[in-house]
Each structure stands twice: as structure tokens, then as C-alpha cells.
């Protein structure tokens, strides 16, 4: 690797249930309304002049339900492996 640290941030905040959508399955709709919507960010982290600096290098949202949560984690891990190879 290149001496930089990569960090995964998972977002488990509930979406605003007032936002309407009609292109998802009933299960996705239930997950959405119950706040089971997940996403992730991969950030490159380094210190410059004594300050912590970050840069978003990849992200994705829109994973629904428990299976979506597990898949989001899997995708985030793959993204961090990819960005680790690219930056090296």
C-alpha cells in the first residue's frame, strides 16, 4: 500500500419516510419505512500539517433490509480492497 489509511463509514441512519417511491418491492418498501436502508463511504485518510485530511474515494447507498446491510458491508470491503490496490 502507499502508507495511507482507508476507512469505511457505514451509514445506518433512517431515511425520511415522507419521501415516496414506487419502484421497489414490498419488502424494500417495508425496510425503507422501518429505517433499514444502508450505505457506505470509503475515505482516504492522511495527516497534512498536523491536521487530519480525508477524501471520499467511493460510496454507495440504497441497500435495503438485513440482507442489504450484509451486502453493503461486503461491497464496502471489496471497495476498500480495490482502492488499496489502485493507490499502491
PDB file of N, CA and C in Angstrom:
ATOM      1  N   UNK A   1       0.845  -1.179   0.000  1.00  0.00           N
ATOM      2  CA  UNK A   1       0.000   0.000   0.000  1.00  0.00           C
ATOM      3  C   UNK A   1       0.885   1.235   0.000  1.00  0.00           C
ATOM      4  N   UNK A   2       0.276   2.394   0.030  1.00  0.00           N
ATOM      5  CA  UNK A   2       1.002   3.630  -0.119  1.00  0.00           C
ATOM      6  C   UNK A   2       1.201   4.390   1.186  1.00  0.00           C
ATOM      7  N   UNK A   3       0.978   3.768   2.326  1.00  0.00           N
ATOM      8  CA  UNK A   3       1.136   4.433   3.606  1.00  0.00           C
ATOM      9  C   UNK A   3      -0.085   5.221   4.025  1.00  0.00           C
ATOM     10  N   UNK A   4      -1.105   5.282   3.193  1.00  0.00           N
ATOM     11  CA  UNK A   4      -2.334   5.969   3.555  1.00  0.00           C
ATOM     12  C   UNK A   4      -3.276   4.991   4.221  1.00  0.00           C
ATOM     13  N   UNK A   5      -4.162   5.498   5.011  1.00  0.00           N
ATOM     14  CA  UNK A   5      -5.155   4.682   5.709  1.00  0.00           C
ATOM     15  C   UNK A   5      -6.489   4.870   5.000  1.00  0.00           C
ATOM     16  N   UNK A   6      -7.196   3.784   4.804  1.00  0.00           N
ATOM     17  CA  UNK A   6      -8.533   3.847   4.233  1.00  0.00           C
ATOM     18  C   UNK A   6      -9.532   3.491   5.317  1.00  0.00           C
ATOM     19  N   UNK A   7     -10.647   4.175   5.314  1.00  0.00           N
ATOM     20  CA  UNK A   7     -11.654   3.993   6.341  1.00  0.00           C
ATOM     21  C   UNK A   7     -12.997   3.749   5.671  1.00  0.00           C
ATOM     22  N   UNK A   8     -13.747   2.817   6.224  1.00  0.00           N
ATOM     23  CA  UNK A   8     -15.119   2.574   5.758  1.00  0.00           C
ATOM     24  C   UNK A   8     -16.061   3.185   6.788  1.00  0.00           C
ATOM     25  N   UNK A   9     -17.003   3.964   6.320  1.00  0.00           N
ATOM     26  CA  UNK A   9     -18.036   4.509   7.189  1.00  0.00           C
ATOM     27  C   UNK A   9     -19.371   3.971   6.701  1.00  0.00           C
ATOM     28  N   UNK A  10     -20.037   3.224   7.539  1.00  0.00           N
ATOM     29  CA  UNK A  10     -21.350   2.691   7.179  1.00  0.00           C
ATOM     30  C   UNK A  10     -22.418   3.646   7.686  1.00  0.00           C
ATOM     31  N   UNK A  11     -23.414   3.904   6.887  1.00  0.00           N
ATOM     32  CA  UNK A  11     -24.490   4.826   7.228  1.00  0.00           C
ATOM     33  C   UNK A  11     -25.748   4.023   7.509  1.00  0.00           C
ATOM     34  N   UNK A  12     -26.164   4.022   8.759  1.00  0.00           N
ATOM     35  CA  UNK A  12     -27.353   3.289   9.150  1.00  0.00           C
ATOM     36  C   UNK A  12     -28.471   4.227   9.604  1.00  0.00           C
ATOM     37  N   UNK A  13     -28.440   5.471   9.140  1.00  0.00           N
ATOM     38  CA  UNK A  13     -29.479   6.425   9.509  1.00  0.00           C
ATOM     39  C   UNK A  13     -30.766   6.109   8.761  1.00  0.00           C
ATOM     40  N   UNK A  14     -31.862   6.291   9.453  1.00  0.00           N
ATOM     41  CA  UNK A  14     -33.169   6.044   8.835  1.00  0.00           C
ATOM     42  C   UNK A  14     -33.486   7.148   7.833  1.00  0.00           C
ATOM     43  N   UNK A  15     -34.026   6.796   6.683  1.00  0.00           N
ATOM     44  CA  UNK A  15     -34.421   7.812   5.701  1.00  0.00           C
ATOM     45  C   UNK A  15     -35.704   8.515   6.126  1.00  0.00           C
ATOM     46  N   UNK A  16     -36.030   9.567   5.466  1.00  0.00           N
ATOM     47  CA  UNK A  16     -37.261  10.304   5.721  1.00  0.00           C
ATOM     48  C   UNK A  16     -38.426   9.505   5.123  1.00  0.00           C
ATOM     49  N   UNK A  17     -39.331   8.973   5.955  1.00  0.00           N
ATOM     50  CA  UNK A  17     -40.416   8.132   5.425  1.00  0.00           C
ATOM     51  C   UNK A  17     -41.427   8.896   4.592  1.00  0.00           C
ATOM     52  N   UNK A  18     -41.370  10.221   4.587  1.00  0.00           N
ATOM     53  CA  UNK A  18     -42.302  11.000   3.774  1.00  0.00           C
ATOM     54  C   UNK A  18     -41.915  10.992   2.302  1.00  0.00           C
ATOM     55  N   UNK A  19     -40.687  10.592   2.012  1.00  0.00           N
ATOM     56  CA  UNK A  19     -40.268  10.517   0.606  1.00  0.00           C
ATOM     57  C   UNK A  19     -40.939   9.305  -0.033  1.00  0.00           C
ATOM     58  N   UNK A  20     -41.651   9.537  -1.084  1.00  0.00           N
ATOM     59  CA  UNK A  20     -42.405   8.453  -1.750  1.00  0.00           C
ATOM     60  C   UNK A  20     -41.557   7.791  -2.835  1.00  0.00           C
ATOM     61  N   UNK A  21     -41.783   6.531  -3.016  1.00  0.00           N
ATOM     62  CA  UNK A  21     -41.170   5.804  -4.122  1.00  0.00           C
ATOM     63  C   UNK A  21     -42.080   4.637  -4.475  1.00  0.00           C
ATOM     64  N   UNK A  22     -42.033   4.205  -5.719  1.00  0.00           N
ATOM     65  CA  UNK A  22     -42.924   3.126  -6.137  1.00  0.00           C
ATOM     66  C   UNK A  22     -42.229   2.095  -7.022  1.00  0.00           C
ATOM     67  N   UNK A  23     -40.897   2.086  -7.061  1.00  0.00           N
ATOM     68  CA  UNK A  23     -40.213   1.167  -7.960  1.00  0.00           C
ATOM     69  C   UNK A  23     -39.498   0.041  -7.203  1.00  0.00           C
ATOM     70  N   UNK A  24     -39.831  -0.175  -5.952  1.00  0.00           N
ATOM     71  CA  UNK A  24     -39.177  -1.202  -5.153  1.00  0.00           C
ATOM     72  C   UNK A  24     -40.187  -2.269  -4.749  1.00  0.00           C
ATOM     73  N   UNK A  25     -39.677  -3.410  -4.287  1.00  0.00           N
ATOM     74  CA  UNK A  25     -40.552  -4.497  -3.857  1.00  0.00           C
ATOM     75  C   UNK A  25     -41.237  -4.140  -2.537  1.00  0.00           C
ATOM     76  N   UNK A  26     -42.236  -4.930  -2.170  1.00  0.00           N
ATOM     77  CA  UNK A  26     -42.917  -4.731  -0.892  1.00  0.00           C
ATOM     78  C   UNK A  26     -41.926  -4.851   0.266  1.00  0.00           C
ATOM     79  N   UNK A  27     -41.006  -5.800   0.156  1.00  0.00           N
ATOM     80  CA  UNK A  27     -40.002  -5.989   1.210  1.00  0.00           C
ATOM     81  C   UNK A  27     -39.095  -4.763   1.306  1.00  0.00           C
ATOM     82  N   UNK A  28     -38.686  -4.211   0.167  1.00  0.00           N
ATOM     83  CA  UNK A  28     -37.876  -2.997   0.175  1.00  0.00           C
ATOM     84  C   UNK A  28     -38.663  -1.838   0.782  1.00  0.00           C
ATOM     85  N   UNK A  29     -39.931  -1.744   0.444  1.00  0.00           N
ATOM     86  CA  UNK A  29     -40.781  -0.686   0.995  1.00  0.00           C
ATOM     87  C   UNK A  29     -40.895  -0.791   2.502  1.00  0.00           C
ATOM     88  N   UNK A  30     -41.077  -2.009   3.009  1.00  0.00           N
ATOM     89  CA  UNK A  30     -41.134  -2.214   4.458  1.00  0.00           C
ATOM     90  C   UNK A  30     -39.820  -1.808   5.096  1.00  0.00           C
ATOM     91  N   UNK A  31     -38.706  -2.264   4.495  1.00  0.00           N
ATOM     92  CA  UNK A  31     -37.383  -1.936   5.037  1.00  0.00           C
ATOM     93  C   UNK A  31     -37.175  -0.425   5.033  1.00  0.00           C
ATOM     94  N   UNK A  32     -37.566   0.226   3.966  1.00  0.00           N
ATOM     95  CA  UNK A  32     -37.428   1.678   3.856  1.00  0.00           C
ATOM     96  C   UNK A  32     -38.183   2.379   4.977  1.00  0.00           C
ATOM     97  N   UNK A  33     -39.451   2.022   5.154  1.00  0.00           N
ATOM     98  CA  UNK A  33     -40.278   2.683   6.165  1.00  0.00           C
ATOM     99  C   UNK A  33     -39.821   2.381   7.581  1.00  0.00           C
ATOM    100  N   UNK A  34     -39.151   1.255   7.780  1.00  0.00           N
ATOM    101  CA  UNK A  34     -38.643   0.908   9.107  1.00  0.00           C
ATOM    102  C   UNK A  34     -37.204   1.387   9.317  1.00  0.00           C
ATOM    103  N   UNK A  35     -36.675   2.130   8.355  1.00  0.00           N
ATOM    104  CA  UNK A  35     -35.339   2.697   8.509  1.00  0.00           C
ATOM    105  C   UNK A  35     -34.206   1.721   8.263  1.00  0.00           C
ATOM    106  N   UNK A  36     -34.488   0.615   7.591  1.00  0.00           N
ATOM    107  CA  UNK A  36     -33.462  -0.386   7.299  1.00  0.00           C
ATOM    108  C   UNK A  36     -32.871  -0.138   5.907  1.00  0.00           C
ATOM    109  N   UNK A  37     -32.298   1.033   5.728  1.00  0.00           N
ATOM    110  CA  UNK A  37     -31.656   1.412   4.472  1.00  0.00           C
ATOM    111  C   UNK A  37     -30.218   1.762   4.804  1.00  0.00           C
ATOM    112  N   UNK A  38     -29.288   1.203   4.054  1.00  0.00           N
ATOM    113  CA  UNK A  38     -27.870   1.310   4.408  1.00  0.00           C
ATOM    114  C   UNK A  38     -27.044   1.832   3.247  1.00  0.00           C
ATOM    115  N   UNK A  39     -25.901   2.376   3.593  1.00  0.00           N
ATOM    116  CA  UNK A  39     -24.951   2.852   2.609  1.00  0.00           C
ATOM    117  C   UNK A  39     -23.566   2.878   3.223  1.00  0.00           C
ATOM    118  N   UNK A  40     -22.578   3.162   2.393  1.00  0.00           N
ATOM    119  CA  UNK A  40     -21.207   3.187   2.887  1.00  0.00           C
ATOM    120  C   UNK A  40     -20.386   4.226   2.139  1.00  0.00           C
ATOM    121  N   UNK A  41     -19.294   4.647   2.790  1.00  0.00           N
ATOM    122  CA  UNK A  41     -18.323   5.579   2.216  1.00  0.00           C
ATOM    123  C   UNK A  41     -16.943   4.996   2.466  1.00  0.00           C
ATOM    124  N   UNK A  42     -16.079   5.021   1.476  1.00  0.00           N
ATOM    125  CA  UNK A  42     -14.666   4.695   1.664  1.00  0.00           C
ATOM    126  C   UNK A  42     -13.910   6.012   1.550  1.00  0.00           C
ATOM    127  N   UNK A  43     -13.167   6.354   2.596  1.00  0.00           N
ATOM    128  CA  UNK A  43     -12.398   7.589   2.609  1.00  0.00           C
ATOM    129  C   UNK A  43     -10.913   7.295   2.697  1.00  0.00           C
ATOM    130  N   UNK A  44     -10.139   8.082   1.998  1.00  0.00           N
ATOM    131  CA  UNK A  44      -8.689   8.058   2.151  1.00  0.00           C
ATOM    132  C   UNK A  44      -8.384   9.057   3.266  1.00  0.00           C
ATOM    133  N   UNK A  45      -7.557   8.637   4.228  1.00  0.00           N
ATOM    134  CA  UNK A  45      -7.273   9.449   5.409  1.00  0.00           C
ATOM    135  C   UNK A  45      -5.768   9.640   5.523  1.00  0.00           C
ATOM    136  N   UNK A  46      -5.332  10.881   5.761  1.00  0.00           N
ATOM    137  CA  UNK A  46      -3.913  11.160   5.967  1.00  0.00           C
ATOM    138  C   UNK A  46      -3.775  12.405   6.842  1.00  0.00           C
ATOM    139  N   UNK A  47      -2.565  12.655   7.311  1.00  0.00           N
ATOM    140  CA  UNK A  47      -2.287  13.836   8.122  1.00  0.00           C
ATOM    141  C   UNK A  47      -1.414  14.778   7.297  1.00  0.00           C
ATOM    142  N   UNK A  48      -1.841  16.031   7.234  1.00  0.00           N
ATOM    143  CA  UNK A  48      -1.115  17.059   6.495  1.00  0.00           C
ATOM    144  C   UNK A  48      -0.990  18.281   7.404  1.00  0.00           C
ATOM    145  N   UNK A  49       0.225  18.688   7.663  1.00  0.00           N
ATOM    146  CA  UNK A  49       0.492  19.850   8.523  1.00  0.00           C
ATOM    147  C   UNK A  49      -0.212  19.701   9.876  1.00  0.00           C
ATOM    148  N   UNK A  50      -0.176  18.482  10.414  1.00  0.00           N
ATOM    149  CA  UNK A  50      -0.766  18.230  11.727  1.00  0.00           C
ATOM    150  C   UNK A  50      -2.278  18.116  11.747  1.00  0.00           C
ATOM    151  N   UNK A  51      -2.920  18.223  10.594  1.00  0.00           N
ATOM    152  CA  UNK A  51      -4.384  18.133  10.513  1.00  0.00           C
ATOM    153  C   UNK A  51      -4.788  16.842   9.811  1.00  0.00           C
ATOM    154  N   UNK A  52      -5.841  16.225  10.305  1.00  0.00           N
ATOM    155  CA  UNK A  52      -6.391  15.029   9.664  1.00  0.00           C
ATOM    156  C   UNK A  52      -7.132  15.450   8.401  1.00  0.00           C
ATOM    157  N   UNK A  53      -6.755  14.874   7.278  1.00  0.00           N
ATOM    158  CA  UNK A  53      -7.387  15.156   5.996  1.00  0.00           C
ATOM    159  C   UNK A  53      -8.105  13.897   5.518  1.00  0.00           C
ATOM    160  N   UNK A  54      -9.240  14.064   4.867  1.00  0.00           N
ATOM    161  CA  UNK A  54      -9.964  12.925   4.308  1.00  0.00           C
ATOM    162  C   UNK A  54     -10.431  13.269   2.896  1.00  0.00           C
ATOM    163  N   UNK A  55     -10.588  12.237   2.112  1.00  0.00           N
ATOM    164  CA  UNK A  55     -11.108  12.379   0.759  1.00  0.00           C
ATOM    165  C   UNK A  55     -11.988  11.171   0.471  1.00  0.00           C
ATOM    166  N   UNK A  56     -13.226  11.420   0.071  1.00  0.00           N
ATOM    167  CA  UNK A  56     -14.118  10.332  -0.310  1.00  0.00           C
ATOM    168  C   UNK A  56     -13.643   9.775  -1.645  1.00  0.00           C
ATOM    169  N   UNK A  57     -13.365   8.466  -1.685  1.00  0.00           N
ATOM    170  CA  UNK A  57     -12.919   7.843  -2.922  1.00  0.00           C
ATOM    171  C   UNK A  57     -13.967   6.909  -3.518  1.00  0.00           C
ATOM    172  N   UNK A  58     -14.988   6.563  -2.729  1.00  0.00           N
ATOM    173  CA  UNK A  58     -16.050   5.693  -3.229  1.00  0.00           C
ATOM    174  C   UNK A  58     -17.200   5.715  -2.233  1.00  0.00           C
ATOM    175  N   UNK A  59     -18.406   5.496  -2.711  1.00  0.00           N
ATOM    176  CA  UNK A  59     -19.561   5.413  -1.818  1.00  0.00           C
ATOM    177  C   UNK A  59     -20.740   4.806  -2.560  1.00  0.00           C
ATOM    178  N   UNK A  60     -21.694   4.302  -1.806  1.00  0.00           N
ATOM    179  CA  UNK A  60     -22.911   3.757  -2.402  1.00  0.00           C
ATOM    180  C   UNK A  60     -23.992   3.670  -1.323  1.00  0.00           C
ATOM    181  N   UNK A  61     -25.232   4.006  -1.684  1.00  0.00           N
ATOM    182  CA  UNK A  61     -26.383   3.888  -0.800  1.00  0.00           C
ATOM    183  C   UNK A  61     -27.487   3.127  -1.520  1.00  0.00           C
ATOM    184  N   UNK A  62     -28.479   2.737  -0.757  1.00  0.00           N
ATOM    185  CA  UNK A  62     -29.641   2.089  -1.353  1.00  0.00           C
ATOM    186  C   UNK A  62     -29.707   0.597  -1.111  1.00  0.00           C
ATOM    187  N   UNK A  63     -29.089   0.123  -0.036  1.00  0.00           N
ATOM    188  CA  UNK A  63     -29.175  -1.287   0.345  1.00  0.00           C
ATOM    189  C   UNK A  63     -30.311  -1.420   1.363  1.00  0.00           C
ATOM    190  N   UNK A  64     -31.257  -2.322   1.095  1.00  0.00           N
ATOM    191  CA  UNK A  64     -32.465  -2.429   1.909  1.00  0.00           C
ATOM    192  C   UNK A  64     -32.498  -3.721   2.708  1.00  0.00           C
ATOM    193  N   UNK A  65     -32.975  -3.635   3.944  1.00  0.00           N
ATOM    194  CA  UNK A  65     -33.193  -4.809   4.791  1.00  0.00           C
ATOM    195  C   UNK A  65     -31.900  -5.413   5.312  1.00  0.00           C
ATOM    196  N   UNK A  66     -32.057  -6.480   6.094  1.00  0.00           N
ATOM    197  CA  UNK A  66     -30.899  -7.140   6.704  1.00  0.00           C
ATOM    198  C   UNK A  66     -29.959  -7.721   5.648  1.00  0.00           C
ATOM    199  N   UNK A  67     -30.526  -8.317   4.602  1.00  0.00           N
ATOM    200  CA  UNK A  67     -29.678  -8.848   3.530  1.00  0.00           C
ATOM    201  C   UNK A  67     -28.930  -7.708   2.845  1.00  0.00           C
ATOM    202  N   UNK A  68     -29.579  -6.574   2.671  1.00  0.00           N
ATOM    203  CA  UNK A  68     -28.931  -5.409   2.087  1.00  0.00           C
ATOM    204  C   UNK A  68     -27.809  -4.888   2.960  1.00  0.00           C
ATOM    205  N   UNK A  69     -28.016  -4.928   4.277  1.00  0.00           N
ATOM    206  CA  UNK A  69     -26.971  -4.485   5.213  1.00  0.00           C
ATOM    207  C   UNK A  69     -25.727  -5.353   5.065  1.00  0.00           C
ATOM    208  N   UNK A  70     -25.935  -6.658   5.026  1.00  0.00           N
ATOM    209  CA  UNK A  70     -24.794  -7.577   4.880  1.00  0.00           C
ATOM    210  C   UNK A  70     -24.100  -7.364   3.530  1.00  0.00           C
ATOM    211  N   UNK A  71     -24.888  -7.144   2.486  1.00  0.00           N
ATOM    212  CA  UNK A  71     -24.313  -6.924   1.164  1.00  0.00           C
ATOM    213  C   UNK A  71     -23.566  -5.589   1.111  1.00  0.00           C
ATOM    214  N   UNK A  72     -24.094  -4.570   1.792  1.00  0.00           N
ATOM    215  CA  UNK A  72     -23.412  -3.270   1.855  1.00  0.00           C
ATOM    216  C   UNK A  72     -22.036  -3.416   2.485  1.00  0.00           C
ATOM    217  N   UNK A  73     -21.951  -4.193   3.561  1.00  0.00           N
ATOM    218  CA  UNK A  73     -20.666  -4.416   4.224  1.00  0.00           C
ATOM    219  C   UNK A  73     -19.711  -5.147   3.287  1.00  0.00           C
ATOM    220  N   UNK A  74     -20.219  -6.163   2.603  1.00  0.00           N
ATOM    221  CA  UNK A  74     -19.397  -6.920   1.649  1.00  0.00           C
ATOM    222  C   UNK A  74     -18.881  -6.006   0.529  1.00  0.00           C
ATOM    223  N   UNK A  75     -19.753  -5.165  -0.016  1.00  0.00           N
ATOM    224  CA  UNK A  75     -19.357  -4.256  -1.097  1.00  0.00           C
ATOM    225  C   UNK A  75     -18.352  -3.219  -0.605  1.00  0.00           C
ATOM    226  N   UNK A  76     -18.546  -2.713   0.599  1.00  0.00           N
ATOM    227  CA  UNK A  76     -17.612  -1.735   1.162  1.00  0.00           C
ATOM    228  C   UNK A  76     -16.229  -2.354   1.345  1.00  0.00           C
ATOM    229  N   UNK A  77     -16.189  -3.579   1.823  1.00  0.00           N
ATOM    230  CA  UNK A  77     -14.902  -4.265   1.988  1.00  0.00           C
ATOM    231  C   UNK A  77     -14.216  -4.474   0.639  1.00  0.00           C
ATOM    232  N   UNK A  78     -14.983  -4.840  -0.371  1.00  0.00           N
ATOM    233  CA  UNK A  78     -14.405  -5.016  -1.705  1.00  0.00           C
ATOM    234  C   UNK A  78     -13.891  -3.684  -2.239  1.00  0.00           C
ATOM    235  N   UNK A  79     -14.628  -2.619  -2.012  1.00  0.00           N
ATOM    236  CA  UNK A  79     -14.196  -1.294  -2.472  1.00  0.00           C
ATOM    237  C   UNK A  79     -12.894  -0.881  -1.800  1.00  0.00           C
ATOM    238  N   UNK A  80     -12.760  -1.152  -0.526  1.00  0.00           N
ATOM    239  CA  UNK A  80     -11.531  -0.765   0.169  1.00  0.00           C
ATOM    240  C   UNK A  80     -10.352  -1.613  -0.313  1.00  0.00           C
ATOM    241  N   UNK A  81     -10.590  -2.887  -0.627  1.00  0.00           N
ATOM    242  CA  UNK A  81      -9.521  -3.713  -1.218  1.00  0.00           C
ATOM    243  C   UNK A  81      -9.114  -3.148  -2.584  1.00  0.00           C
ATOM    244  N   UNK A  82     -10.110  -2.777  -3.373  1.00  0.00           N
ATOM    245  CA  UNK A  82      -9.824  -2.222  -4.695  1.00  0.00           C
ATOM    246  C   UNK A  82      -9.025  -0.923  -4.588  1.00  0.00           C
ATOM    247  N   UNK A  83      -9.482   0.002  -3.763  1.00  0.00           N
ATOM    248  CA  UNK A  83      -8.801   1.285  -3.647  1.00  0.00           C
ATOM    249  C   UNK A  83      -7.422   1.143  -3.019  1.00  0.00           C
ATOM    250  N   UNK A  84      -7.237   0.157  -2.178  1.00  0.00           N
ATOM    251  CA  UNK A  84      -5.914  -0.116  -1.633  1.00  0.00           C
ATOM    252  C   UNK A  84      -4.945  -0.559  -2.715  1.00  0.00           C
ATOM    253  N   UNK A  85      -5.437  -1.364  -3.663  1.00  0.00           N
ATOM    254  CA  UNK A  85      -4.586  -1.825  -4.778  1.00  0.00           C
ATOM    255  C   UNK A  85      -4.305  -0.683  -5.751  1.00  0.00           C
ATOM    256  N   UNK A  86      -5.323   0.117  -6.047  1.00  0.00           N
ATOM    257  CA  UNK A  86      -5.176   1.202  -7.017  1.00  0.00           C
ATOM    258  C   UNK A  86      -4.183   2.244  -6.503  1.00  0.00           C
ATOM    259  N   UNK A  87      -4.237   2.552  -5.208  1.00  0.00           N
ATOM    260  CA  UNK A  87      -3.394   3.600  -4.650  1.00  0.00           C
ATOM    261  C   UNK A  87      -1.957   3.147  -4.411  1.00  0.00           C
ATOM    262  N   UNK A  88      -1.738   1.841  -4.384  1.00  0.00           N
ATOM    263  CA  UNK A  88      -0.398   1.335  -4.054  1.00  0.00           C
ATOM    264  C   UNK A  88       0.613   1.630  -5.149  1.00  0.00           C
TER     265      UNK A  88
END
